[in-house]
C-alpha atoms as a PDB file:
ATOM      1  CA  MET A   1     113.138 201.183 105.063  1.00  0.00           C
ATOM      2  CA  THR A   2     111.910 200.238 107.901  1.00  0.00           C
ATOM      3  CA  ARG A   3     111.988 202.545 111.057  1.00  0.00           C
ATOM      4  CA  LEU A   4     112.625 201.405 114.272  1.00  0.00           C
ATOM      5  CA  ILE A   5     113.145 204.227 117.303  1.00  0.00           C
ATOM      6  CA  LEU A   6     114.423 203.387 121.108  1.00  0.00           C
ATOM      7  CA  PHE A   7     112.758 205.408 123.716  1.00  0.00           C
ATOM      8  CA  ASN A   8     113.956 206.076 127.429  1.00  0.00           C
ATOM      9  CA  LYS A   9     110.147 206.088 128.294  1.00  0.00           C
ATOM     10  CA  PRO A  10     110.054 208.433 131.473  1.00  0.00           C
ATOM     11  CA  TYR A  11     107.669 207.309 134.641  1.00  0.00           C
ATOM     12  CA  ASP A  12     104.150 208.359 134.337  1.00  0.00           C
ATOM     13  CA  VAL A  13     103.817 208.194 130.726  1.00  0.00           C
ATOM     14  CA  LEU A  14     101.645 206.348 129.266  1.00  0.00           C
ATOM     15  CA  THR A  15     102.738 204.176 126.478  1.00  0.00           C
ATOM     16  CA  GLN A  16     100.460 205.841 123.128  1.00  0.00           C
ATOM     17  CA  PHE A  17     100.198 209.260 121.731  1.00  0.00           C
ATOM     18  CA  THR A  18      96.745 209.964 123.360  1.00  0.00           C
ATOM     19  CA  ASP A  19      95.508 210.185 126.631  1.00  0.00           C
ATOM     20  CA  ARG A  20      91.916 209.181 126.695  1.00  0.00           C
ATOM     21  CA  GLY A  21      90.775 211.326 128.846  1.00  0.00           C
ATOM     22  CA  ASN A  22      91.000 211.410 132.904  1.00  0.00           C
ATOM     23  CA  ALA A  23      89.344 212.953 135.381  1.00  0.00           C
ATOM     24  CA  ASP A  24      92.504 214.702 136.974  1.00  0.00           C
ATOM     25  CA  GLY A  25      93.206 216.272 133.480  1.00  0.00           C
ATOM     26  CA  PRO A  26      95.364 215.270 130.286  1.00  0.00           C
ATOM     27  CA  ARG A  27      98.841 212.892 131.238  1.00  0.00           C
ATOM     28  CA  ALA A  28     102.120 212.998 129.911  1.00  0.00           C
ATOM     29  CA  THR A  29     102.108 210.353 126.201  1.00  0.00           C
ATOM     30  CA  LEU A  30     104.887 209.780 124.134  1.00  0.00           C
ATOM     31  CA  SER A  31     103.343 212.437 121.653  1.00  0.00           C
ATOM     32  CA  ASP A  32     104.803 214.710 124.457  1.00  0.00           C
ATOM     33  CA  PHE A  33     108.204 213.667 123.282  1.00  0.00           C
ATOM     34  CA  ILE A  34     108.755 211.814 120.317  1.00  0.00           C
ATOM     35  CA  LYS A  35     106.992 213.968 117.011  1.00  0.00           C
ATOM     36  CA  VAL A  36     107.942 211.132 113.919  1.00  0.00           C
ATOM     37  CA  PRO A  37     104.632 210.451 111.959  1.00  0.00           C
ATOM     38  CA  GLY A  38     103.580 206.696 111.886  1.00  0.00           C
ATOM     39  CA  VAL A  39     105.629 204.591 114.552  1.00  0.00           C
ATOM     40  CA  TYR A  40     103.712 203.248 116.909  1.00  0.00           C
ATOM     41  CA  PRO A  41     104.873 200.925 120.575  1.00  0.00           C
ATOM     42  CA  ALA A  42     105.773 197.723 120.099  1.00  0.00           C
ATOM     43  CA  GLY A  43     104.440 196.387 123.045  1.00  0.00           C
ATOM     44  CA  ARG A  44     103.891 198.344 126.154  1.00  0.00           C
ATOM     45  CA  LEU A  45     105.823 199.558 129.661  1.00  0.00           C
ATOM     46  CA  ASP A  46     103.227 200.323 132.400  1.00  0.00           C
ATOM     47  CA  ARG A  47     103.439 203.461 133.443  1.00  0.00           C
ATOM     48  CA  ASP A  48     104.798 203.546 136.625  1.00  0.00           C
ATOM     49  CA  SER A  49     107.441 202.305 134.988  1.00  0.00           C
ATOM     50  CA  GLU A  50     110.508 203.376 132.812  1.00  0.00           C
ATOM     51  CA  GLY A  51     112.824 202.348 130.514  1.00  0.00           C
ATOM     52  CA  LEU A  52     113.471 201.111 126.847  1.00  0.00           C
ATOM     53  CA  LEU A  53     110.366 201.194 124.739  1.00  0.00           C
ATOM     54  CA  LEU A  54     110.722 200.061 120.640  1.00  0.00           C
ATOM     55  CA  LEU A  55     108.732 201.721 118.482  1.00  0.00           C
ATOM     56  CA  THR A  56     107.900 201.159 114.713  1.00  0.00           C
ATOM     57  CA  ASP A  57     106.596 201.930 111.414  1.00  0.00           C
ATOM     58  CA  ASN A  58     106.506 198.122 110.441  1.00  0.00           C
ATOM     59  CA  GLY A  59     103.607 195.549 111.620  1.00  0.00           C
ATOM     60  CA  LYS A  60     105.394 192.659 110.783  1.00  0.00           C
ATOM     61  CA  LEU A  61     108.503 193.792 113.401  1.00  0.00           C
ATOM     62  CA  GLN A  62     105.828 195.211 116.059  1.00  0.00           C
ATOM     63  CA  ALA A  63     104.553 191.868 116.250  1.00  0.00           C
ATOM     64  CA  ARG A  64     107.913 189.747 115.945  1.00  0.00           C
ATOM     65  CA  ILE A  65     109.114 192.657 119.462  1.00  0.00           C
ATOM     66  CA  SER A  66     105.486 192.314 120.912  1.00  0.00           C
ATOM     67  CA  ASP A  67     104.175 188.846 120.975  1.00  0.00           C
ATOM     68  CA  PRO A  68     104.934 187.034 123.892  1.00  0.00           C
ATOM     69  CA  LYS A  69     105.002 183.972 121.572  1.00  0.00           C
ATOM     70  CA  ASN A  70     108.295 184.593 120.096  1.00  0.00           C
ATOM     71  CA  LYS A  71     109.635 184.706 123.083  1.00  0.00           C
ATOM     72  CA  MET A  72     111.709 188.160 123.430  1.00  0.00           C
ATOM     73  CA  ALA A  73     114.079 188.540 126.133  1.00  0.00           C
ATOM     74  CA  LYS A  74     113.483 191.541 128.699  1.00  0.00           C
ATOM     75  CA  THR A  75     115.728 192.919 131.311  1.00  0.00           C
ATOM     76  CA  TYR A  76     114.616 194.949 133.696  1.00  0.00           C
ATOM     77  CA  TRP A  77     116.818 196.398 136.432  1.00  0.00           C
ATOM     78  CA  VAL A  78     114.237 196.360 139.290  1.00  0.00           C
ATOM     79  CA  GLN A  79     114.991 197.520 142.532  1.00  0.00           C
ATOM     80  CA  VAL A  80     112.953 196.001 145.275  1.00  0.00           C
ATOM     81  CA  GLU A  81     112.023 196.281 148.721  1.00  0.00           C
ATOM     82  CA  GLY A  82     114.727 193.668 151.529  1.00  0.00           C
ATOM     83  CA  THR A  83     117.578 191.780 150.511  1.00  0.00           C
ATOM     84  CA  PRO A  84     116.443 188.782 148.325  1.00  0.00           C
ATOM     85  CA  ASP A  85     118.135 185.563 149.729  1.00  0.00           C
ATOM     86  CA  ASP A  86     118.952 182.863 147.428  1.00  0.00           C
ATOM     87  CA  ALA A  87     115.757 181.399 148.037  1.00  0.00           C
ATOM     88  CA  ALA A  88     114.089 184.211 146.290  1.00  0.00           C
ATOM     89  CA  ILE A  89     116.446 184.157 143.711  1.00  0.00           C
ATOM     90  CA  ALA A  90     115.917 180.494 143.019  1.00  0.00           C
ATOM     91  CA  ALA A  91     112.249 181.191 142.983  1.00  0.00           C
ATOM     92  CA  LEU A  92     112.780 183.823 140.268  1.00  0.00           C
ATOM     93  CA  ARG A  93     114.815 181.570 137.958  1.00  0.00           C
ATOM     94  CA  ALA A  94     112.561 178.829 138.461  1.00  0.00           C
ATOM     95  CA  GLY A  95     109.370 180.170 137.926  1.00  0.00           C
ATOM     96  CA  VAL A  96     106.891 182.268 140.246  1.00  0.00           C
ATOM     97  CA  GLN A  97     102.916 180.858 140.411  1.00  0.00           C
ATOM     98  CA  LEU A  98     101.137 182.948 140.029  1.00  0.00           C
ATOM     99  CA  LYS A  99      97.103 183.981 139.979  1.00  0.00           C
ATOM    100  CA  ASP A 100      97.475 183.794 136.066  1.00  0.00           C
ATOM    101  CA  GLY A 101      99.856 180.343 136.300  1.00  0.00           C
ATOM    102  CA  LEU A 102     103.217 179.679 136.544  1.00  0.00           C
ATOM    103  CA  THR A 103     106.219 181.866 134.566  1.00  0.00           C
ATOM    104  CA  ARG A 104     108.412 180.946 132.865  1.00  0.00           C
ATOM    105  CA  PRO A 105     111.699 180.490 134.168  1.00  0.00           C
ATOM    106  CA  ALA A 106     113.603 183.631 134.315  1.00  0.00           C
ATOM    107  CA  GLN A 107     116.938 184.686 134.498  1.00  0.00           C
ATOM    108  CA  CYS A 108     117.825 186.185 137.933  1.00  0.00           C
ATOM    109  CA  GLU A 109     121.098 187.745 139.761  1.00  0.00           C
ATOM    110  CA  ARG A 110     121.621 190.348 142.987  1.00  0.00           C
ATOM    111  CA  MET A 111     123.158 193.652 140.979  1.00  0.00           C
ATOM    112  CA  ASP A 112     124.474 196.675 142.193  1.00  0.00           C
ATOM    113  CA  GLU A 113     122.626 200.215 141.161  1.00  0.00           C
ATOM    114  CA  PRO A 114     123.163 200.678 137.807  1.00  0.00           C
ATOM    115  CA  GLU A 115     124.943 203.511 136.650  1.00  0.00           C
ATOM    116  CA  GLY A 116     124.001 205.974 135.334  1.00  0.00           C
ATOM    117  CA  LEU A 117     121.202 206.135 137.166  1.00  0.00           C
ATOM    118  CA  TRP A 118     119.144 209.004 136.506  1.00  0.00           C
ATOM    119  CA  GLU A 119     116.654 210.605 139.583  1.00  0.00           C
ATOM    120  CA  ARG A 120     113.398 209.484 139.322  1.00  0.00           C
ATOM    121  CA  THR A 121     110.807 211.686 139.651  1.00  0.00           C
ATOM    122  CA  PRO A 122     108.593 211.619 142.225  1.00  0.00           C
ATOM    123  CA  PRO A 123     111.267 209.393 143.800  1.00  0.00           C
ATOM    124  CA  ILE A 124     110.793 206.126 145.592  1.00  0.00           C
ATOM    125  CA  ARG A 125     109.128 206.228 148.766  1.00  0.00           C
ATOM    126  CA  VAL A 126     112.506 205.016 150.979  1.00  0.00           C
ATOM    127  CA  ARG A 127     111.949 203.417 154.808  1.00  0.00           C
ATOM    128  CA  LYS A 128     114.648 203.630 156.671  1.00  0.00           C
ATOM    129  CA  SER A 129     113.763 200.485 158.740  1.00  0.00           C
ATOM    130  CA  ILE A 130     114.180 198.471 154.997  1.00  0.00           C
ATOM    131  CA  PRO A 131     117.014 198.097 153.443  1.00  0.00           C
ATOM    132  CA  ASP A 132     116.343 197.926 149.309  1.00  0.00           C
ATOM    133  CA  THR A 133     118.535 195.601 146.495  1.00  0.00           C
ATOM    134  CA  TRP A 134     119.164 195.496 142.895  1.00  0.00           C
ATOM    135  CA  ILE A 135     118.078 192.887 140.831  1.00  0.00           C
ATOM    136  CA  ALA A 136     118.815 191.741 136.755  1.00  0.00           C
ATOM    137  CA  LEU A 137     115.533 189.858 136.179  1.00  0.00           C
ATOM    138  CA  THR A 138     115.271 189.102 132.697  1.00  0.00           C
ATOM    139  CA  ILE A 139     111.752 186.986 131.363  1.00  0.00           C
ATOM    140  CA  SER A 140     110.990 186.319 127.975  1.00  0.00           C
ATOM    141  CA  GLU A 141     107.011 186.441 127.906  1.00  0.00           C
ATOM    142  CA  GLY A 142     104.848 189.347 128.840  1.00  0.00           C
ATOM    143  CA  LYS A 143     101.815 189.021 131.491  1.00  0.00           C
ATOM    144  CA  ASN A 144     100.407 191.972 132.848  1.00  0.00           C
ATOM    145  CA  ARG A 145     102.815 193.650 135.893  1.00  0.00           C
ATOM    146  CA  GLN A 146     104.116 190.340 135.433  1.00  0.00           C
ATOM    147  CA  VAL A 147     108.001 191.216 137.175  1.00  0.00           C
ATOM    148  CA  ARG A 148     106.236 193.281 140.132  1.00  0.00           C
ATOM    149  CA  ARG A 149     104.118 190.216 140.635  1.00  0.00           C
ATOM    150  CA  MET A 150     106.928 188.035 140.657  1.00  0.00           C
ATOM    151  CA  THR A 151     109.103 189.708 143.355  1.00  0.00           C
ATOM    152  CA  ALA A 152     105.978 189.936 145.675  1.00  0.00           C
ATOM    153  CA  ALA A 153     105.238 186.686 145.157  1.00  0.00           C
ATOM    154  CA  VAL A 154     108.493 186.279 146.951  1.00  0.00           C
ATOM    155  CA  GLY A 155     108.588 188.778 149.539  1.00  0.00           C
ATOM    156  CA  HIS A 156     110.305 191.621 147.930  1.00  0.00           C
ATOM    157  CA  PRO A 157     107.980 194.393 146.661  1.00  0.00           C
ATOM    158  CA  THR A 158     108.880 196.033 143.653  1.00  0.00           C
ATOM    159  CA  LEU A 159     110.197 199.979 144.244  1.00  0.00           C
ATOM    160  CA  ARG A 160     111.402 201.082 141.161  1.00  0.00           C
ATOM    161  CA  LEU A 161     111.400 198.965 137.389  1.00  0.00           C
ATOM    162  CA  ILE A 162     113.470 200.265 134.687  1.00  0.00           C
ATOM    163  CA  ARG A 163     113.305 198.498 131.119  1.00  0.00           C
ATOM    164  CA  ALA A 164     117.051 197.812 130.103  1.00  0.00           C
ATOM    165  CA  ARG A 165     116.938 195.598 126.959  1.00  0.00           C
ATOM    166  CA  ILE A 166     114.751 193.914 124.676  1.00  0.00           C
ATOM    167  CA  GLY A 167     116.889 191.665 122.434  1.00  0.00           C
ATOM    168  CA  ASP A 168     119.824 192.941 121.257  1.00  0.00           C
ATOM    169  CA  TRP A 169     118.145 196.587 122.064  1.00  0.00           C
ATOM    170  CA  ALA A 170     119.482 198.330 125.099  1.00  0.00           C
ATOM    171  CA  LEU A 171     119.058 202.116 126.551  1.00  0.00           C
ATOM    172  CA  ASP A 172     123.118 202.586 126.616  1.00  0.00           C
ATOM    173  CA  GLY A 173     123.463 206.075 127.663  1.00  0.00           C
ATOM    174  CA  LEU A 174     119.844 206.781 126.560  1.00  0.00           C
ATOM    175  CA  ALA A 175     118.378 209.440 129.226  1.00  0.00           C
ATOM    176  CA  PRO A 176     114.600 209.830 130.136  1.00  0.00           C
ATOM    177  CA  GLY A 177     112.452 211.356 126.975  1.00  0.00           C
ATOM    178  CA  GLN A 178     115.642 210.718 124.786  1.00  0.00           C
ATOM    179  CA  TRP A 179     115.325 208.556 121.502  1.00  0.00           C
ATOM    180  CA  ARG A 180     117.476 207.340 118.693  1.00  0.00           C
ATOM    181  CA  GLU A 181     116.602 205.336 115.150  1.00  0.00           C
ATOM    182  CA  ALA A 182     118.458 202.082 115.754  1.00  0.00           C
ATOM    183  CA  LYS A 183     118.599 199.089 113.157  1.00  0.00           C
ATOM    184  CA  PRO A 184     116.500 196.193 113.059  1.00  0.00           C
ATOM    185  CA  GLN A 185     117.733 193.159 114.042  1.00  0.00           C
ATOM    186  CA  LYS A 186     117.634 190.577 111.050  1.00  0.00           C
ATOM    187  CA  ARG A 187     116.307 187.449 111.511  1.00  0.00           C
END
């Protein structure tokens, strides 16, 4: 039977089970939170990002989730510097030109701060003279640091990035560092 784990990855945790070395000493990894043998991450989530990470023991499911050619939608809650105007939101929706090419069109909308949002350690930098705004951004590809590069390209650098959903799987109240088992989607 296929195992599928939904994990709310905290900030500053590596998306791997071992730390291959760091001059500053060991860093937090998945093994600090998940003691289930034989499961591996389906995709990645940068160390400075938070939120939903899926792990499975099924290689085909892992590939279906993580391979960009499958175009599985991923929704992020993004706290950005400034207040994106309609033109910036429209640009994110249309696709943004990055150094490695044009991104696919995305779904994007301004949103209130996510309900039940947890404190981040360390907290984001706050500049009293510059407001910040939350947006929901749904993409169906996975270029390196894509969401951060997209928001920067439209003039609104990312301050905090939380992945809230992958396909039909969502955080749904899962606290940072917590995980639960789920059923794989039928396809």
